[in-house]
C-alpha atoms as a PDB file:
ATOM      1  CA  MET A   1     100.200 108.036  90.102  1.00  0.00           C
ATOM      2  CA  VAL A   2     100.423 106.191  93.440  1.00  0.00           C
ATOM      3  CA  ALA A   3     102.481 102.963  93.369  1.00  0.00           C
ATOM      4  CA  PRO A   4     100.584  99.714  93.999  1.00  0.00           C
ATOM      5  CA  ILE A   5     100.162  98.079  97.396  1.00  0.00           C
ATOM      6  CA  ALA A   6     101.994  94.789  97.974  1.00  0.00           C
ATOM      7  CA  VAL A   7      99.913  91.999  99.523  1.00  0.00           C
ATOM      8  CA  THR A   8     101.889  89.096 100.939  1.00  0.00           C
ATOM      9  CA  SER A   9     100.000  85.794 100.979  1.00  0.00           C
ATOM     10  CA  GLY A  10     101.401  84.543 104.287  1.00  0.00           C
ATOM     11  CA  ASP A  11     102.047  80.885 105.146  1.00  0.00           C
ATOM     12  CA  PRO A  12     101.131  78.956 101.994  1.00  0.00           C
ATOM     13  CA  ALA A  13      99.426  76.197 104.008  1.00  0.00           C
ATOM     14  CA  GLY A  14      97.276  78.663 105.980  1.00  0.00           C
ATOM     15  CA  ILE A  15      94.288  80.780 105.035  1.00  0.00           C
ATOM     16  CA  GLY A  16      96.462  83.528 103.534  1.00  0.00           C
ATOM     17  CA  PRO A  17      96.127  82.205  99.964  1.00  0.00           C
ATOM     18  CA  ASP A  18      92.367  81.766 100.424  1.00  0.00           C
ATOM     19  CA  LEU A  19      92.044  85.364 101.549  1.00  0.00           C
ATOM     20  CA  VAL A  20      94.181  87.061  98.892  1.00  0.00           C
ATOM     21  CA  LEU A  21      92.331  85.210  96.140  1.00  0.00           C
ATOM     22  CA  THR A  22      89.134  87.008  97.167  1.00  0.00           C
ATOM     23  CA  LEU A  23      90.731  90.329  96.232  1.00  0.00           C
ATOM     24  CA  SER A  24      90.174  89.545  92.543  1.00  0.00           C
ATOM     25  CA  GLN A  25      86.433  89.799  93.151  1.00  0.00           C
ATOM     26  CA  ALA A  26      86.210  92.150  96.124  1.00  0.00           C
ATOM     27  CA  GLN A  27      88.741  94.721  94.780  1.00  0.00           C
ATOM     28  CA  PRO A  28      88.670  94.313  90.972  1.00  0.00           C
ATOM     29  CA  GLY A  29      91.060  96.708  89.260  1.00  0.00           C
ATOM     30  CA  ALA A  30      92.572  97.888  92.520  1.00  0.00           C
ATOM     31  CA  PRO A  31      96.313  98.773  92.421  1.00  0.00           C
ATOM     32  CA  LEU A  32      97.450  95.629  94.197  1.00  0.00           C
ATOM     33  CA  VAL A  33     100.275  93.120  93.673  1.00  0.00           C
ATOM     34  CA  VAL A  34      99.933  89.764  95.475  1.00  0.00           C
ATOM     35  CA  LEU A  35     103.208  88.124  96.438  1.00  0.00           C
ATOM     36  CA  GLY A  36     103.047  84.343  96.628  1.00  0.00           C
ATOM     37  CA  ASP A  37     103.540  81.071  94.829  1.00  0.00           C
ATOM     38  CA  HIS A  38     101.506  81.326  91.654  1.00  0.00           C
ATOM     39  CA  ASP A  39     100.959  77.573  91.432  1.00  0.00           C
ATOM     40  CA  VAL A  40      99.828  77.337  95.040  1.00  0.00           C
ATOM     41  CA  LEU A  41      97.353  80.170  94.493  1.00  0.00           C
ATOM     42  CA  ALA A  42      96.041  78.634  91.295  1.00  0.00           C
ATOM     43  CA  GLU A  43      95.616  75.246  92.979  1.00  0.00           C
ATOM     44  CA  ARG A  44      93.887  76.827  95.994  1.00  0.00           C
ATOM     45  CA  ALA A  45      91.528  78.731  93.701  1.00  0.00           C
ATOM     46  CA  SER A  46      90.599  75.450  92.005  1.00  0.00           C
ATOM     47  CA  GLN A  47      90.151  73.742  95.373  1.00  0.00           C
ATOM     48  CA  LEU A  48      87.839  76.559  96.532  1.00  0.00           C
ATOM     49  CA  LYS A  49      86.076  76.725  93.158  1.00  0.00           C
ATOM     50  CA  LEU A  50      86.843  80.425  92.920  1.00  0.00           C
ATOM     51  CA  ASP A  51      86.629  82.245  89.590  1.00  0.00           C
ATOM     52  CA  ALA A  52      89.899  84.117  90.169  1.00  0.00           C
ATOM     53  CA  ARG A  53      91.955  85.111  87.148  1.00  0.00           C
ATOM     54  CA  LEU A  54      95.642  85.299  88.060  1.00  0.00           C
ATOM     55  CA  GLN A  55      98.290  87.014  85.955  1.00  0.00           C
ATOM     56  CA  ARG A  56     102.003  86.756  86.598  1.00  0.00           C
ATOM     57  CA  TRP A  57     103.623  90.112  87.254  1.00  0.00           C
ATOM     58  CA  GLN A  58     107.128  91.382  87.865  1.00  0.00           C
ATOM     59  CA  PRO A  59     108.595  94.840  88.396  1.00  0.00           C
ATOM     60  CA  GLY A  60     108.280  96.920  85.250  1.00  0.00           C
ATOM     61  CA  ASP A  61     105.025  95.319  84.120  1.00  0.00           C
ATOM     62  CA  ALA A  62     101.803  97.243  83.955  1.00  0.00           C
ATOM     63  CA  LEU A  63      99.106  96.158  86.366  1.00  0.00           C
ATOM     64  CA  PRO A  64      96.358  94.078  84.704  1.00  0.00           C
ATOM     65  CA  HIS A  65      92.897  95.556  84.735  1.00  0.00           C
ATOM     66  CA  ASP A  66      90.966  92.313  84.678  1.00  0.00           C
ATOM     67  CA  ALA A  67      93.144  89.959  86.697  1.00  0.00           C
ATOM     68  CA  LEU A  68      94.986  89.697  89.991  1.00  0.00           C
ATOM     69  CA  ALA A  69      98.668  90.561  89.583  1.00  0.00           C
ATOM     70  CA  ILE A  70     100.846  87.806  91.104  1.00  0.00           C
ATOM     71  CA  TRP A  71     104.577  88.262  91.742  1.00  0.00           C
ATOM     72  CA  HIS A  72     105.645  84.642  91.858  1.00  0.00           C
ATOM     73  CA  CYS A  73     107.539  83.747  95.024  1.00  0.00           C
ATOM     74  CA  PRO A  74     108.240  80.009  95.126  1.00  0.00           C
ATOM     75  CA  ALA A  75     107.062  78.241  98.269  1.00  0.00           C
ATOM     76  CA  GLY A  76     110.153  76.029  98.213  1.00  0.00           C
ATOM     77  CA  ALA A  77     108.316  72.740  98.830  1.00  0.00           C
ATOM     78  CA  PRO A  78     105.000  71.079  97.941  1.00  0.00           C
ATOM     79  CA  VAL A  79     102.104  72.681  99.810  1.00  0.00           C
ATOM     80  CA  ARG A  80      99.001  71.045 101.257  1.00  0.00           C
ATOM     81  CA  ALA A  81      96.289  73.288 102.648  1.00  0.00           C
ATOM     82  CA  GLY A  82      96.155  72.968 106.408  1.00  0.00           C
ATOM     83  CA  LYS A  83      99.477  71.163 106.699  1.00  0.00           C
ATOM     84  CA  PRO A  84     102.245  73.599 107.758  1.00  0.00           C
ATOM     85  CA  ASP A  85     105.711  72.640 106.602  1.00  0.00           C
ATOM     86  CA  PRO A  86     108.979  74.240 107.828  1.00  0.00           C
ATOM     87  CA  ALA A  87     110.399  73.552 104.369  1.00  0.00           C
ATOM     88  CA  THR A  88     108.358  76.518 103.107  1.00  0.00           C
ATOM     89  CA  ALA A  89     109.706  78.915 105.728  1.00  0.00           C
ATOM     90  CA  ALA A  90     112.614  80.263 103.675  1.00  0.00           C
ATOM     91  CA  GLY A  91     110.256  80.961 100.787  1.00  0.00           C
ATOM     92  CA  THR A  92     107.858  82.805 103.057  1.00  0.00           C
ATOM     93  CA  LEU A  93     110.674  85.034 104.385  1.00  0.00           C
ATOM     94  CA  ALA A  94     111.981  85.642 100.843  1.00  0.00           C
ATOM     95  CA  MET A  95     108.455  86.763  99.879  1.00  0.00           C
ATOM     96  CA  LEU A  96     108.350  89.134 102.855  1.00  0.00           C
ATOM     97  CA  ASP A  97     111.809  90.496 101.921  1.00  0.00           C
ATOM     98  CA  ARG A  98     110.598  91.303  98.398  1.00  0.00           C
ATOM     99  CA  ALA A  99     107.709  93.309  99.798  1.00  0.00           C
ATOM    100  CA  ILE A 100     109.930  95.185 102.246  1.00  0.00           C
ATOM    101  CA  ASP A 101     112.542  95.991  99.622  1.00  0.00           C
ATOM    102  CA  GLY A 102     109.798  97.131  97.225  1.00  0.00           C
ATOM    103  CA  CYS A 103     108.438  99.507  99.869  1.00  0.00           C
ATOM    104  CA  LEU A 104     111.870 100.896 100.750  1.00  0.00           C
ATOM    105  CA  GLU A 105     112.703 101.406  97.065  1.00  0.00           C
ATOM    106  CA  GLY A 106     109.379 103.076  96.251  1.00  0.00           C
ATOM    107  CA  ARG A 107     108.136 100.244  94.021  1.00  0.00           C
ATOM    108  CA  PHE A 108     105.215  99.771  96.404  1.00  0.00           C
ATOM    109  CA  ALA A 109     103.276 102.460  98.317  1.00  0.00           C
ATOM    110  CA  GLY A 110     102.809 100.132 101.260  1.00  0.00           C
ATOM    111  CA  MET A 111     102.209  96.528 102.203  1.00  0.00           C
ATOM    112  CA  VAL A 112      99.464  94.321 103.565  1.00  0.00           C
ATOM    113  CA  THR A 113     100.420  91.050 105.242  1.00  0.00           C
ATOM    114  CA  ALA A 114      98.348  87.891 105.423  1.00  0.00           C
ATOM    115  CA  PRO A 115      99.132  85.725 108.472  1.00  0.00           C
ATOM    116  CA  LEU A 116     102.144  83.492 108.887  1.00  0.00           C
ATOM    117  CA  ALA A 117     103.063  81.078 111.656  1.00  0.00           C
ATOM    118  CA  LYS A 118     105.969  82.067 113.887  1.00  0.00           C
ATOM    119  CA  SER A 119     106.666  78.436 114.828  1.00  0.00           C
ATOM    120  CA  VAL A 120     107.022  77.433 111.157  1.00  0.00           C
ATOM    121  CA  ILE A 121     109.514  80.202 110.474  1.00  0.00           C
ATOM    122  CA  CYS A 122     111.470  79.391 113.638  1.00  0.00           C
ATOM    123  CA  ASP A 123     111.610  75.691 112.814  1.00  0.00           C
ATOM    124  CA  GLY A 124     112.483  76.094 109.154  1.00  0.00           C
ATOM    125  CA  ALA A 125     114.442  79.291 108.602  1.00  0.00           C
ATOM    126  CA  ASP A 126     115.110  81.650 111.519  1.00  0.00           C
ATOM    127  CA  PRO A 127     114.992  80.451 115.145  1.00  0.00           C
ATOM    128  CA  ALA A 128     115.110  84.068 116.362  1.00  0.00           C
ATOM    129  CA  PHE A 129     112.004  85.103 114.390  1.00  0.00           C
ATOM    130  CA  THR A 130     109.418  86.668 116.708  1.00  0.00           C
ATOM    131  CA  GLY A 131     106.867  87.986 114.222  1.00  0.00           C
ATOM    132  CA  HIS A 132     106.082  90.167 111.245  1.00  0.00           C
ATOM    133  CA  THR A 133     106.314  93.414 113.156  1.00  0.00           C
ATOM    134  CA  GLU A 134     109.734  92.818 114.658  1.00  0.00           C
ATOM    135  CA  TYR A 135     111.077  91.514 111.344  1.00  0.00           C
ATOM    136  CA  LEU A 136     109.858  94.592 109.465  1.00  0.00           C
ATOM    137  CA  ALA A 137     111.459  96.859 112.045  1.00  0.00           C
ATOM    138  CA  ALA A 138     114.804  95.081 111.820  1.00  0.00           C
ATOM    139  CA  ARG A 139     114.867  94.972 108.022  1.00  0.00           C
ATOM    140  CA  SER A 140     114.065  98.689 107.752  1.00  0.00           C
ATOM    141  CA  ASN A 141     116.485  99.676 110.545  1.00  0.00           C
ATOM    142  CA  THR A 142     113.663 101.120 112.605  1.00  0.00           C
ATOM    143  CA  PRO A 143     114.619 101.202 116.305  1.00  0.00           C
ATOM    144  CA  ARG A 144     111.086 101.220 117.661  1.00  0.00           C
ATOM    145  CA  VAL A 145     107.674 100.516 116.177  1.00  0.00           C
ATOM    146  CA  VAL A 146     104.220 100.611 117.691  1.00  0.00           C
ATOM    147  CA  MET A 147     101.433  98.103 117.145  1.00  0.00           C
ATOM    148  CA  MET A 148      97.974  99.604 116.753  1.00  0.00           C
ATOM    149  CA  LEU A 149      94.752  97.816 115.934  1.00  0.00           C
ATOM    150  CA  ALA A 150      91.811  99.755 114.590  1.00  0.00           C
ATOM    151  CA  THR A 151      88.135  99.350 113.733  1.00  0.00           C
ATOM    152  CA  ASP A 152      85.893 101.982 112.248  1.00  0.00           C
ATOM    153  CA  ASN A 153      85.473 103.706 115.616  1.00  0.00           C
ATOM    154  CA  LEU A 154      88.226 102.473 117.899  1.00  0.00           C
ATOM    155  CA  ARG A 155      92.036 102.603 117.792  1.00  0.00           C
ATOM    156  CA  VAL A 156      94.111 100.810 120.397  1.00  0.00           C
ATOM    157  CA  ALA A 157      97.939 100.971 120.438  1.00  0.00           C
ATOM    158  CA  LEU A 158     100.225  98.986 122.728  1.00  0.00           C
ATOM    159  CA  ALA A 159     103.125 100.097 124.918  1.00  0.00           C
ATOM    160  CA  THR A 160     104.367  96.466 124.995  1.00  0.00           C
ATOM    161  CA  THR A 161     103.457  93.667 122.659  1.00  0.00           C
ATOM    162  CA  HIS A 162     104.262  89.961 122.821  1.00  0.00           C
ATOM    163  CA  LEU A 163     105.678  89.602 126.301  1.00  0.00           C
ATOM    164  CA  PRO A 164     104.852  87.243 129.167  1.00  0.00           C
ATOM    165  CA  LEU A 165     102.736  89.118 131.703  1.00  0.00           C
ATOM    166  CA  ARG A 166     105.519  88.653 134.285  1.00  0.00           C
ATOM    167  CA  ALA A 167     107.865  90.761 132.061  1.00  0.00           C
ATOM    168  CA  VAL A 168     105.492  93.609 131.257  1.00  0.00           C
ATOM    169  CA  ALA A 169     106.144  95.921 134.237  1.00  0.00           C
ATOM    170  CA  ASP A 170     109.922  95.815 133.738  1.00  0.00           C
ATOM    171  CA  ALA A 171     109.501  96.629 130.044  1.00  0.00           C
ATOM    172  CA  ILE A 172     107.606  99.855 130.733  1.00  0.00           C
ATOM    173  CA  THR A 173     110.250 102.526 131.241  1.00  0.00           C
ATOM    174  CA  GLY A 174     110.100 106.266 130.982  1.00  0.00           C
ATOM    175  CA  PRO A 175     112.137 106.496 127.724  1.00  0.00           C
ATOM    176  CA  SER A 176     110.287 103.614 126.020  1.00  0.00           C
ATOM    177  CA  LEU A 177     106.872 104.986 126.968  1.00  0.00           C
ATOM    178  CA  ALA A 178     107.747 108.494 125.800  1.00  0.00           C
ATOM    179  CA  GLU A 179     109.042 107.220 122.464  1.00  0.00           C
ATOM    180  CA  THR A 180     105.962 105.071 121.963  1.00  0.00           C
ATOM    181  CA  LEU A 181     103.642 108.000 122.588  1.00  0.00           C
ATOM    182  CA  ARG A 182     105.628 110.261 120.242  1.00  0.00           C
ATOM    183  CA  ILE A 183     105.421 107.672 117.439  1.00  0.00           C
ATOM    184  CA  LEU A 184     101.727 107.178 118.038  1.00  0.00           C
ATOM    185  CA  GLU A 185     101.015 110.898 118.038  1.00  0.00           C
ATOM    186  CA  TYR A 186     103.156 111.523 114.950  1.00  0.00           C
ATOM    187  CA  ASP A 187     101.626 108.770 112.839  1.00  0.00           C
ATOM    188  CA  LEU A 188      98.072 109.722 113.853  1.00  0.00           C
ATOM    189  CA  ARG A 189      98.869 113.147 112.422  1.00  0.00           C
ATOM    190  CA  LEU A 190     100.814 111.936 109.397  1.00  0.00           C
ATOM    191  CA  ARG A 191      98.766 108.901 108.363  1.00  0.00           C
ATOM    192  CA  PHE A 192      95.319 109.650 109.747  1.00  0.00           C
ATOM    193  CA  ASN A 193      95.154 113.434 109.161  1.00  0.00           C
ATOM    194  CA  LEU A 194      94.408 114.247 112.810  1.00  0.00           C
ATOM    195  CA  PRO A 195      95.892 117.711 113.442  1.00  0.00           C
ATOM    196  CA  ARG A 196      96.053 117.268 117.234  1.00  0.00           C
ATOM    197  CA  PRO A 197      95.358 113.663 118.226  1.00  0.00           C
ATOM    198  CA  ARG A 198      93.674 113.086 121.547  1.00  0.00           C
ATOM    199  CA  ILE A 199      95.311 110.044 123.167  1.00  0.00           C
ATOM    200  CA  MET A 200      93.974 108.252 126.256  1.00  0.00           C
ATOM    201  CA  VAL A 201      96.682 106.432 128.249  1.00  0.00           C
ATOM    202  CA  LEU A 202      95.790 103.496 130.509  1.00  0.00           C
ATOM    203  CA  GLY A 203      97.421 102.694 133.769  1.00  0.00           C
ATOM    204  CA  LEU A 204      99.253  99.420 134.261  1.00  0.00           C
ATOM    205  CA  ASN A 205      97.670  98.339 137.555  1.00  0.00           C
ATOM    206  CA  PRO A 206      94.057  97.889 138.676  1.00  0.00           C
ATOM    207  CA  HIS A 207      92.408 101.249 139.294  1.00  0.00           C
ATOM    208  CA  ALA A 208      95.553 102.842 137.768  1.00  0.00           C
ATOM    209  CA  GLY A 209      97.448 101.986 140.938  1.00  0.00           C
ATOM    210  CA  GLU A 210      94.887 103.414 143.432  1.00  0.00           C
ATOM    211  CA  SER A 211      97.245 106.257 144.446  1.00  0.00           C
ATOM    212  CA  GLY A 212     100.106 103.818 144.991  1.00  0.00           C
ATOM    213  CA  HIS A 213      98.189 101.263 147.031  1.00  0.00           C
ATOM    214  CA  LEU A 214      97.981  98.830 144.062  1.00  0.00           C
ATOM    215  CA  GLY A 215     101.314  99.607 142.393  1.00  0.00           C
ATOM    216  CA  HIS A 216     103.690 102.520 141.827  1.00  0.00           C
ATOM    217  CA  GLU A 217     104.258 102.397 138.039  1.00  0.00           C
ATOM    218  CA  GLU A 218     101.648 105.085 137.441  1.00  0.00           C
ATOM    219  CA  ILE A 219     103.281 107.470 139.943  1.00  0.00           C
ATOM    220  CA  ASP A 220     106.897 106.662 139.200  1.00  0.00           C
ATOM    221  CA  ILE A 221     106.834 106.211 135.406  1.00  0.00           C
ATOM    222  CA  ILE A 222     103.602 106.877 133.542  1.00  0.00           C
ATOM    223  CA  GLN A 223     102.489 110.180 135.086  1.00  0.00           C
ATOM    224  CA  PRO A 224     105.907 111.871 134.774  1.00  0.00           C
ATOM    225  CA  VAL A 225     106.091 110.900 131.081  1.00  0.00           C
ATOM    226  CA  LEU A 226     102.609 112.267 130.416  1.00  0.00           C
ATOM    227  CA  GLU A 227     103.505 115.552 132.115  1.00  0.00           C
ATOM    228  CA  GLN A 228     106.708 115.835 130.101  1.00  0.00           C
ATOM    229  CA  LEU A 229     104.916 115.204 126.787  1.00  0.00           C
ATOM    230  CA  ARG A 230     102.030 117.500 127.611  1.00  0.00           C
ATOM    231  CA  ALA A 231     104.632 120.237 128.011  1.00  0.00           C
ATOM    232  CA  GLU A 232     105.773 119.398 124.489  1.00  0.00           C
ATOM    233  CA  GLY A 233     102.228 119.912 123.200  1.00  0.00           C
ATOM    234  CA  LEU A 234     100.808 116.403 123.081  1.00  0.00           C
ATOM    235  CA  HIS A 235      97.151 116.018 124.020  1.00  0.00           C
ATOM    236  CA  LEU A 236      97.193 113.181 126.596  1.00  0.00           C
ATOM    237  CA  THR A 237      94.683 111.969 129.164  1.00  0.00           C
ATOM    238  CA  GLY A 238      95.568 109.555 131.953  1.00  0.00           C
ATOM    239  CA  PRO A 239      96.734 107.336 133.341  1.00  0.00           C
ATOM    240  CA  LEU A 240      93.174 106.010 133.535  1.00  0.00           C
ATOM    241  CA  PRO A 241      91.901 102.706 134.997  1.00  0.00           C
ATOM    242  CA  ALA A 242      91.518 100.218 132.145  1.00  0.00           C
ATOM    243  CA  ASP A 243      88.247  98.846 133.492  1.00  0.00           C
ATOM    244  CA  THR A 244      86.391 102.134 132.983  1.00  0.00           C
ATOM    245  CA  ALA A 245      88.351 103.700 130.099  1.00  0.00           C
ATOM    246  CA  PHE A 246      86.527 101.799 127.364  1.00  0.00           C
ATOM    247  CA  THR A 247      83.229 103.545 127.910  1.00  0.00           C
ATOM    248  CA  PRO A 248      81.457 106.023 125.632  1.00  0.00           C
ATOM    249  CA  ARG A 249      82.242 108.988 127.844  1.00  0.00           C
ATOM    250  CA  TYR A 250      85.983 108.523 127.372  1.00  0.00           C
ATOM    251  CA  LEU A 251      86.109 106.971 123.881  1.00  0.00           C
ATOM    252  CA  GLU A 252      84.053 109.749 122.279  1.00  0.00           C
ATOM    253  CA  ALA A 253      86.542 112.295 123.575  1.00  0.00           C
ATOM    254  CA  HIS A 254      89.665 110.563 122.238  1.00  0.00           C
ATOM    255  CA  ASP A 255      91.142 109.462 118.924  1.00  0.00           C
ATOM    256  CA  ALA A 256      93.197 106.523 120.224  1.00  0.00           C
ATOM    257  CA  VAL A 257      93.948 104.533 123.361  1.00  0.00           C
ATOM    258  CA  LEU A 258      97.387 103.453 124.528  1.00  0.00           C
ATOM    259  CA  ALA A 259      97.197 100.211 126.493  1.00  0.00           C
ATOM    260  CA  MET A 260     100.147  99.045 128.568  1.00  0.00           C
ATOM    261  CA  TYR A 261     100.052  95.415 127.400  1.00  0.00           C
ATOM    262  CA  HIS A 262      98.568  93.125 124.782  1.00  0.00           C
ATOM    263  CA  ASP A 263      95.649  91.617 126.665  1.00  0.00           C
ATOM    264  CA  GLN A 264      94.703  94.878 128.365  1.00  0.00           C
ATOM    265  CA  GLY A 265      93.565  96.569 125.167  1.00  0.00           C
ATOM    266  CA  LEU A 266      93.110  94.039 122.407  1.00  0.00           C
ATOM    267  CA  PRO A 267      90.314  91.901 123.890  1.00  0.00           C
ATOM    268  CA  VAL A 268      88.094  95.013 123.974  1.00  0.00           C
ATOM    269  CA  LEU A 269      88.960  95.969 120.418  1.00  0.00           C
ATOM    270  CA  LYS A 270      88.483  92.458 119.062  1.00  0.00           C
ATOM    271  CA  TYR A 271      85.166  92.135 120.847  1.00  0.00           C
ATOM    272  CA  ALA A 272      84.107  95.369 119.174  1.00  0.00           C
ATOM    273  CA  GLY A 273      85.232  94.402 115.681  1.00  0.00           C
ATOM    274  CA  PHE A 274      86.856  90.973 115.294  1.00  0.00           C
ATOM    275  CA  GLY A 275      87.058  90.018 111.655  1.00  0.00           C
ATOM    276  CA  GLN A 276      86.905  93.660 110.558  1.00  0.00           C
ATOM    277  CA  ALA A 277      89.804  95.097 112.576  1.00  0.00           C
ATOM    278  CA  VAL A 278      93.134  96.054 111.072  1.00  0.00           C
ATOM    279  CA  ASN A 279      96.622  95.733 112.560  1.00  0.00           C
ATOM    280  CA  ILE A 280      98.755  98.787 111.680  1.00  0.00           C
ATOM    281  CA  THR A 281     102.490  99.106 112.371  1.00  0.00           C
ATOM    282  CA  LEU A 282     103.361 102.676 113.261  1.00  0.00           C
ATOM    283  CA  GLY A 283     106.856 104.109 113.113  1.00  0.00           C
ATOM    284  CA  LEU A 284     107.999 102.297 109.930  1.00  0.00           C
ATOM    285  CA  PRO A 285     109.199 104.317 106.904  1.00  0.00           C
ATOM    286  CA  PHE A 286     106.338 102.807 104.892  1.00  0.00           C
ATOM    287  CA  ILE A 287     102.699 101.852 105.331  1.00  0.00           C
ATOM    288  CA  ARG A 288     102.022  98.386 106.755  1.00  0.00           C
ATOM    289  CA  THR A 289      98.631  96.947 107.615  1.00  0.00           C
ATOM    290  CA  SER A 290      97.672  93.387 108.464  1.00  0.00           C
ATOM    291  CA  VAL A 291      94.783  91.148 109.507  1.00  0.00           C
ATOM    292  CA  ASP A 292      93.687  90.795 113.120  1.00  0.00           C
ATOM    293  CA  HIS A 293      93.885  86.982 113.158  1.00  0.00           C
ATOM    294  CA  GLY A 294      96.268  84.055 112.575  1.00  0.00           C
ATOM    295  CA  THR A 295      96.889  81.353 109.987  1.00  0.00           C
ATOM    296  CA  ALA A 296      93.847  79.197 110.913  1.00  0.00           C
ATOM    297  CA  PHE A 297      95.313  76.087 109.310  1.00  0.00           C
ATOM    298  CA  ASP A 298      92.125  74.162 110.137  1.00  0.00           C
ATOM    299  CA  LEU A 299      90.144  76.465 107.812  1.00  0.00           C
ATOM    300  CA  ALA A 300      92.631  76.570 104.924  1.00  0.00           C
ATOM    301  CA  GLY A 301      91.119  75.265 101.715  1.00  0.00           C
ATOM    302  CA  THR A 302      87.645  74.824 103.240  1.00  0.00           C
ATOM    303  CA  GLY A 303      86.051  78.043 101.978  1.00  0.00           C
ATOM    304  CA  GLN A 304      85.106  78.980 105.563  1.00  0.00           C
ATOM    305  CA  ALA A 305      87.768  81.638 106.138  1.00  0.00           C
ATOM    306  CA  ASP A 306      86.385  85.142 106.703  1.00  0.00           C
ATOM    307  CA  HIS A 307      88.146  87.646 104.446  1.00  0.00           C
ATOM    308  CA  GLY A 308      86.703  90.752 106.138  1.00  0.00           C
ATOM    309  CA  SER A 309      89.873  91.743 107.977  1.00  0.00           C
ATOM    310  CA  LEU A 310      92.075  91.386 104.875  1.00  0.00           C
ATOM    311  CA  LEU A 311      89.668  93.552 102.875  1.00  0.00           C
ATOM    312  CA  ALA A 312      89.636  96.161 105.639  1.00  0.00           C
ATOM    313  CA  ALA A 313      93.456  96.076 105.834  1.00  0.00           C
ATOM    314  CA  THR A 314      93.772  96.441 102.058  1.00  0.00           C
ATOM    315  CA  ARG A 315      91.293  99.309 101.848  1.00  0.00           C
ATOM    316  CA  LEU A 316      93.019 101.114 104.715  1.00  0.00           C
ATOM    317  CA  ALA A 317      96.456 100.685 103.135  1.00  0.00           C
ATOM    318  CA  MET A 318      95.195 102.105  99.869  1.00  0.00           C
ATOM    319  CA  SER A 319      93.507 104.996 101.679  1.00  0.00           C
ATOM    320  CA  LEU A 320      96.618 105.827 103.659  1.00  0.00           C
ATOM    321  CA  ALA A 321      98.771 105.641 100.493  1.00  0.00           C
ATOM    322  CA  GLN A 322      96.479 108.149  98.774  1.00  0.00           C
ATOM    323  CA  GLY A 323      96.865 110.527 101.729  1.00  0.00           C
END
């Protein structure tokens, strides 16, 4: 029997609680455990007039068949929907730690994360906090992870993530790019059952450098790495100009795209499937999926939050856990 999936409810003042509450109706009987403040979730369900039955759960308990299992993680302070409070930051990190430990110990088959606010965590608990992905990597002693977002027919991974554009070129080195591509290729085989993944690699510069006239990163860094990895057996195309890569001719012939930076690849993916896309962290020793959006404090408690991305992330996590 596959262990359940942990679903963290994110910042308690954001739309995370709203979203996870919908799982009781959208995924009834699914092997899920929601981590969050039980009282906050119950209050939010009442505020939203949701018929969501919540049952407290702790390790060792059987999963309920007719209720949403809630592993109570105290918020640490009173919570008002739409009003972020740094006093809840320590509780949010403790909730995340429980999910990580559960995955590392085999209690959970993977985890799905609802959105949290980096600024709230930095102000209230950890000034060095840079995001879910980096925190998961540090806690699991994983030296490098890869961010990939996916819709039903498009997968886009990133060579660099949350960096100022000025810093991107310096962050793209031969060793880092090679390791990123190896992780991407390995997890596409391991998690997505693709025997020989076909990966399209974008150039950094306009027109992929135009033979050195618009930049030398393609010639000096990207192309040598691709040649090295092709010799190892990886199926790689590129470097290709980003402005023509996202066309049917190329996409139909590849299983994933590696973009060099955040806003090179993700605008295309989110245009294609915003609200239904899933954020997947590759390279971790456990499955982790997440939503493709933020905390949306202005929508918390209003009933207007779109739960499509959380449902997609949950379904994908369960599918990956089942092999």
